[in-house]
Amino acid sequence: MPELPEVETVRRTLNTLITGKTIERVTVSLPRIIRRPEDPLMFAALLEGQKVHTIERSGKFLRFNLDGWVIVSHLRMEGRYGLYASSDPVEKHTHVIFHFTDGTELRYRDVRQFGTMDLLPAGEEFAGAPLLKLGLEPLVPEFTADALGAKLEGKKTRLKTVLLNQEIVAGIGNIYVDETLFRAGLHPERAAGSLTRLELERLHRCIVDILNEAVAAGGSSVKSYVNGQGESGSFQDQHRIYGRKGQPCHNCGTPIERIVVGGRGTHYCPTCQKPSEGGHQA
């Protein structure tokens, strides 16, 4: 599933491609992609004549800001957007097409068909699902060590499980939690509320650094992810721990192990990420 860096990369790409365009009409060929309104014909009708102003991001969600509406889109497993000429052949698994007045089309393609779109009145997008309960946004100034600490305080739940909870920190998924905890020298099964002040500050710094580095690299193309221009990311080449089971740790040479934490495959170094306080420091 695309995580914050991949969604942010898509957002930046789409902003360069479709900002200022006006929607002439919308074609929906897979109605279940559209959650609100329930009638896909109403979804299409409401979007006619709407101009695209900006595309923003909340966690793993894209927000298409139009004249009077906001499309909240989640790519889920393999959803992707691409800009095409209207004369270009439509690929298989293309479920939603936004036809612009200039003859171009924004097409949403989703092989797994898990993606979602919610059309909400502008100004009301944060008043309910799916954005209402999102946690801290990690790439804004308000995301501080104190803010993170307040979310973790008193929690006995395992650290990785808490960081994957989108109501705690929005946008971080399996890849970037593994990479963050490795850099911070923290065991994924530590109780989230057991961190010392120094460990908390280190965790906060590593979250921000890892995400910014991944965004700069265009995200991680581990499976099928590409941005809005069909380009792959390159941060997978910088992975230090994720997907490296049995390979030597870059820091100490110990074979990397894989366990399951909260139902998710988890990679860690048993030497650098001790169950209690300690481990290497970023």
Protein backbone atom coordinates (compact mmCIF):
# COMPACT_ATOMS: atom_id res chain seq x y z
CA MET A 1 0.00 0.00 0.00
CA PRO A 2 1.39 3.44 -0.86
CA GLU A 3 2.46 5.24 2.31
CA LEU A 4 2.95 8.93 3.01
CA PRO A 5 6.04 9.42 0.80
CA GLU A 6 4.40 7.75 -2.19
CA VAL A 7 1.12 9.64 -1.77
CA GLU A 8 3.01 12.91 -1.31
CA THR A 9 4.93 12.21 -4.52
CA VAL A 10 1.68 11.55 -6.38
CA ARG A 11 0.24 14.77 -4.93
CA ARG A 12 3.17 16.86 -6.12
CA THR A 13 3.07 15.28 -9.56
CA LEU A 14 -0.68 15.81 -9.96
CA ASN A 15 -0.38 19.43 -8.88
CA THR A 16 1.95 20.05 -11.81
CA LEU A 17 -0.26 18.13 -14.22
CA ILE A 18 -3.88 19.12 -13.55
CA THR A 19 -4.03 22.31 -11.48
CA GLY A 20 -6.18 24.85 -13.33
CA LYS A 21 -7.98 22.30 -15.49
CA THR A 22 -11.80 22.19 -15.61
CA ILE A 23 -13.78 18.96 -15.49
CA GLU A 24 -16.13 18.59 -18.43
CA ARG A 25 -17.57 15.24 -17.42
CA VAL A 26 -16.73 12.12 -15.41
CA THR A 27 -16.99 8.45 -16.38
CA VAL A 28 -17.34 5.87 -13.60
CA SER A 29 -17.11 2.24 -14.72
CA LEU A 30 -16.75 0.66 -11.26
CA PRO A 31 -19.37 2.23 -8.95
CA ARG A 32 -18.01 0.78 -5.71
CA ILE A 33 -14.93 3.00 -5.97
CA ILE A 34 -17.27 5.93 -5.24
CA ARG A 35 -18.38 5.91 -1.60
CA ARG A 36 -20.08 9.31 -1.40
CA PRO A 37 -22.44 10.14 -2.88
CA GLU A 38 -23.67 6.56 -3.17
CA ASP A 39 -24.99 7.21 -6.68
CA PRO A 40 -22.02 7.41 -9.11
CA LEU A 41 -24.19 9.36 -11.56
CA MET A 42 -24.64 12.04 -8.89
CA PHE A 43 -20.88 11.99 -8.27
CA ALA A 44 -20.32 12.66 -11.97
CA ALA A 45 -23.04 15.32 -12.22
CA LEU A 46 -21.74 17.31 -9.25
CA LEU A 47 -18.26 17.45 -10.76
CA GLU A 48 -19.26 18.86 -14.14
CA GLY A 49 -17.75 22.32 -14.60
CA GLN A 50 -15.61 22.10 -11.45
CA LYS A 51 -12.10 23.56 -11.66
CA VAL A 52 -9.12 21.86 -10.01
CA HIS A 53 -7.40 24.36 -7.69
CA THR A 54 -4.91 22.28 -5.69
CA ILE A 55 -4.22 18.72 -4.63
CA GLU A 56 -3.28 18.30 -0.99
CA ARG A 57 -2.62 15.33 1.28
CA SER A 58 -3.81 14.13 4.69
CA GLY A 59 -1.96 11.03 5.83
CA LYS A 60 -2.37 8.54 2.98
CA PHE A 61 -5.34 10.41 1.48
CA LEU A 62 -5.28 12.78 -1.49
CA ARG A 63 -7.55 15.83 -1.41
CA PHE A 64 -8.57 17.33 -4.75
CA ASN A 65 -9.74 20.87 -3.97
CA LEU A 66 -12.30 22.06 -6.52
CA ASP A 67 -14.64 25.08 -6.71
CA GLY A 68 -17.18 23.89 -4.18
CA TRP A 69 -16.22 20.28 -3.56
CA VAL A 70 -13.32 18.16 -2.34
CA ILE A 71 -12.56 14.67 -3.64
CA VAL A 72 -10.93 12.60 -0.90
CA SER A 73 -9.14 9.70 -2.56
CA HIS A 74 -7.36 6.70 -1.06
CA LEU A 75 -5.20 4.60 -3.39
CA ARG A 76 -5.29 1.52 -1.15
CA MET A 77 -3.14 -1.30 -2.56
CA GLU A 78 -2.54 -0.47 -6.21
CA GLY A 79 -4.57 2.59 -7.19
CA ARG A 80 -2.82 5.04 -9.49
CA TYR A 81 -3.59 8.23 -11.38
CA GLY A 82 -2.29 9.21 -14.80
CA LEU A 83 -2.88 12.05 -17.24
CA TYR A 84 -3.65 11.07 -20.83
CA ALA A 85 -4.83 12.56 -24.09
CA SER A 86 -8.44 11.68 -24.80
CA SER A 87 -7.26 9.81 -27.91
CA ASP A 88 -5.02 7.47 -25.89
CA PRO A 89 -6.29 3.88 -25.53
CA VAL A 90 -7.90 3.24 -22.14
CA GLU A 91 -6.01 0.58 -20.20
CA LYS A 92 -7.69 -2.36 -18.51
CA HIS A 93 -8.71 -1.74 -14.88
CA THR A 94 -9.34 1.99 -15.50
CA HIS A 95 -12.37 2.67 -13.30
CA VAL A 96 -12.81 6.45 -13.17
CA ILE A 97 -11.99 9.03 -15.86
CA PHE A 98 -12.10 12.79 -15.31
CA HIS A 99 -12.50 14.35 -18.77
CA PHE A 100 -11.11 17.90 -18.89
CA THR A 101 -12.22 20.66 -21.20
CA ASP A 102 -8.76 20.86 -22.80
CA GLY A 103 -9.00 17.34 -24.22
CA THR A 104 -6.88 15.63 -21.55
CA GLU A 105 -8.10 13.03 -19.06
CA LEU A 106 -7.11 12.10 -15.53
CA ARG A 107 -7.60 8.35 -15.29
CA TYR A 108 -7.79 6.28 -12.13
CA ARG A 109 -6.60 2.70 -12.58
CA ASP A 110 -6.82 0.08 -9.84
CA VAL A 111 -6.09 -3.59 -10.49
CA ARG A 112 -7.08 -4.65 -6.96
CA GLN A 113 -10.17 -2.40 -6.94
CA PHE A 114 -9.75 -1.41 -3.27
CA GLY A 115 -9.35 2.35 -3.78
CA THR A 116 -12.02 4.81 -2.67
CA MET A 117 -13.30 8.29 -3.51
CA ASP A 118 -15.51 10.49 -1.34
CA LEU A 119 -16.95 13.72 -2.74
CA LEU A 120 -17.55 16.18 0.11
CA PRO A 121 -18.63 19.82 0.27
CA ALA A 122 -15.62 22.13 0.54
CA GLY A 123 -15.02 23.03 4.16
CA GLU A 124 -16.63 19.87 5.49
CA GLU A 125 -13.98 17.33 4.51
CA PHE A 126 -12.57 17.10 8.04
CA ALA A 127 -15.95 16.94 9.79
CA GLY A 128 -16.41 13.20 9.34
CA ALA A 129 -14.99 10.04 7.83
CA PRO A 130 -12.52 9.38 6.39
CA LEU A 131 -10.38 12.30 7.63
CA LEU A 132 -11.88 13.14 11.02
CA LYS A 133 -9.91 10.67 13.13
CA LEU A 134 -6.54 10.98 11.42
CA GLY A 135 -3.67 11.40 13.85
CA LEU A 136 -0.63 13.67 13.81
CA GLU A 137 0.62 14.79 10.40
CA PRO A 138 4.38 14.10 10.62
CA LEU A 139 5.66 16.59 8.02
CA VAL A 140 4.32 19.79 9.56
CA PRO A 141 5.90 22.03 12.24
CA GLU A 142 3.22 21.02 14.76
CA PHE A 143 4.61 17.48 14.80
CA THR A 144 7.02 17.78 17.70
CA ALA A 145 8.56 15.30 20.11
CA ASP A 146 6.15 16.57 22.77
CA ALA A 147 3.14 16.01 20.50
CA LEU A 148 4.31 12.49 19.71
CA GLY A 149 5.04 11.79 23.37
CA ALA A 150 1.51 12.81 24.34
CA LYS A 151 0.16 10.20 21.91
CA LEU A 152 2.45 7.45 23.23
CA GLU A 153 2.22 8.25 26.94
CA GLY A 154 0.97 5.38 29.08
CA LYS A 155 0.49 3.00 26.16
CA LYS A 156 1.50 -0.62 26.78
CA THR A 157 0.80 -1.55 23.17
CA ARG A 158 3.84 -2.52 21.12
CA LEU A 159 5.63 0.42 19.52
CA LYS A 160 5.26 -0.74 15.93
CA THR A 161 1.54 -1.36 16.34
CA VAL A 162 1.02 2.13 17.76
CA LEU A 163 2.99 3.81 14.97
CA LEU A 164 0.92 1.96 12.36
CA ASN A 165 -2.28 3.27 13.93
CA GLN A 166 -3.43 6.06 11.62
CA GLU A 167 -5.22 7.74 14.55
CA ILE A 168 -1.83 8.23 16.25
CA VAL A 169 0.43 9.29 13.37
CA ALA A 170 -1.09 9.62 9.91
CA GLY A 171 0.59 8.23 6.83
CA ILE A 172 3.28 5.90 8.16
CA GLY A 173 2.99 2.28 7.01
CA ASN A 174 4.90 -0.95 7.34
CA ILE A 175 7.99 -0.03 5.32
CA TYR A 176 8.67 3.29 7.01
CA VAL A 177 7.95 2.08 10.54
CA ASP A 178 10.55 -0.67 10.10
CA GLU A 179 13.07 1.79 8.67
CA THR A 180 12.37 4.37 11.38
CA LEU A 181 12.65 1.95 14.30
CA PHE A 182 15.90 0.54 12.93
CA ARG A 183 17.46 3.98 12.56
CA ALA A 184 16.23 4.95 16.02
CA GLY A 185 17.61 1.73 17.55
CA LEU A 186 14.25 0.75 19.02
CA HIS A 187 12.79 -2.74 19.18
CA PRO A 188 9.38 -2.97 17.45
CA GLU A 189 7.90 -4.83 20.42
CA ARG A 190 8.83 -2.23 23.03
CA ALA A 191 5.87 -0.83 24.92
CA ALA A 192 5.11 2.49 23.25
CA GLY A 193 4.83 4.30 26.57
CA SER A 194 8.17 3.02 27.90
CA LEU A 195 10.46 5.30 25.90
CA THR A 196 12.83 7.61 27.70
CA ARG A 197 12.92 11.27 26.74
CA LEU A 198 16.05 10.74 24.67
CA GLU A 199 14.51 7.76 22.90
CA LEU A 200 11.35 9.75 22.19
CA GLU A 201 13.33 12.61 20.69
CA ARG A 202 15.36 10.16 18.62
CA LEU A 203 12.20 8.43 17.38
CA HIS A 204 10.63 11.77 16.44
CA ARG A 205 13.73 12.87 14.56
CA CYS A 206 13.98 9.57 12.69
CA ILE A 207 10.31 9.64 11.63
CA VAL A 208 10.74 13.09 10.12
CA ASP A 209 14.11 12.33 8.53
CA ILE A 210 13.08 8.99 6.99
CA LEU A 211 9.87 10.42 5.53
CA ASN A 212 11.61 13.48 4.10
CA GLU A 213 14.35 11.34 2.57
CA ALA A 214 11.76 9.01 1.05
CA VAL A 215 9.77 11.92 -0.41
CA ALA A 216 12.97 13.33 -1.92
CA ALA A 217 13.59 9.94 -3.56
CA GLY A 218 10.07 9.76 -4.97
CA GLY A 219 8.95 7.05 -2.54
CA SER A 220 9.61 3.31 -2.58
CA SER A 221 8.63 1.19 -5.60
CA VAL A 222 8.64 -2.18 -3.87
CA LYS A 223 5.86 -3.63 -6.02
CA SER A 224 3.75 -1.65 -8.48
CA TYR A 225 3.90 1.94 -7.23
CA VAL A 226 4.50 4.72 -9.77
CA ASN A 227 3.74 8.44 -9.56
CA GLY A 228 1.27 10.36 -11.72
CA GLN A 229 3.74 10.38 -14.61
CA GLY A 230 4.38 6.65 -14.50
CA GLU A 231 7.78 7.04 -12.81
CA SER A 232 9.04 4.69 -10.09
CA GLY A 233 10.49 5.85 -6.79
CA SER A 234 14.03 4.98 -5.69
CA PHE A 235 13.96 4.96 -1.89
CA GLN A 236 13.83 1.13 -1.94
CA ASP A 237 17.52 1.34 -2.83
CA GLN A 238 18.11 3.02 0.53
CA HIS A 239 16.19 0.53 2.67
CA ARG A 240 18.41 -0.54 5.54
CA ILE A 241 16.14 -3.13 7.12
CA TYR A 242 12.83 -3.68 5.31
CA GLY A 243 12.74 -6.83 3.17
CA ARG A 244 16.29 -7.88 4.18
CA LYS A 245 15.55 -10.98 6.27
CA GLY A 246 18.70 -13.07 6.76
CA GLN A 247 21.00 -10.44 5.26
CA PRO A 248 23.71 -8.83 7.41
CA CYS A 249 22.86 -5.64 9.27
CA HIS A 250 24.60 -2.64 7.72
CA ASN A 251 25.64 -1.49 11.20
CA CYS A 252 26.84 -4.63 12.95
CA GLY A 253 26.67 -7.58 10.54
CA THR A 254 24.10 -9.53 12.54
CA PRO A 255 21.56 -11.33 10.29
CA ILE A 256 18.32 -9.38 10.11
CA GLU A 257 15.31 -11.20 11.52
CA ARG A 258 11.65 -11.12 10.57
CA ILE A 259 8.81 -11.49 13.06
CA VAL A 260 5.11 -10.69 12.99
CA VAL A 261 3.95 -7.72 15.05
CA GLY A 262 0.27 -6.83 15.04
CA GLY A 263 -0.27 -9.05 12.03
CA ARG A 264 2.43 -7.29 9.98
CA GLY A 265 5.74 -8.71 8.82
CA THR A 266 8.44 -6.86 10.75
CA HIS A 267 12.18 -6.66 10.08
CA TYR A 268 14.67 -5.76 12.80
CA CYS A 269 18.25 -6.28 13.93
CA PRO A 270 18.42 -8.23 17.23
CA THR A 271 21.75 -6.55 18.07
CA CYS A 272 20.99 -2.93 17.17
CA GLN A 273 17.37 -2.99 18.39
CA LYS A 274 17.39 -4.43 21.88
CA PRO A 275 14.04 -5.18 23.59
CA SER A 276 14.90 -2.68 26.34
CA GLU A 277 16.60 0.72 26.27
CA GLY A 278 19.69 0.78 24.10
CA GLY A 279 20.65 -0.13 20.55
CA HIS A 280 22.47 1.97 18.00
CA GLN A 281 21.63 5.63 17.74
CA ALA A 282 20.93 7.58 14.58
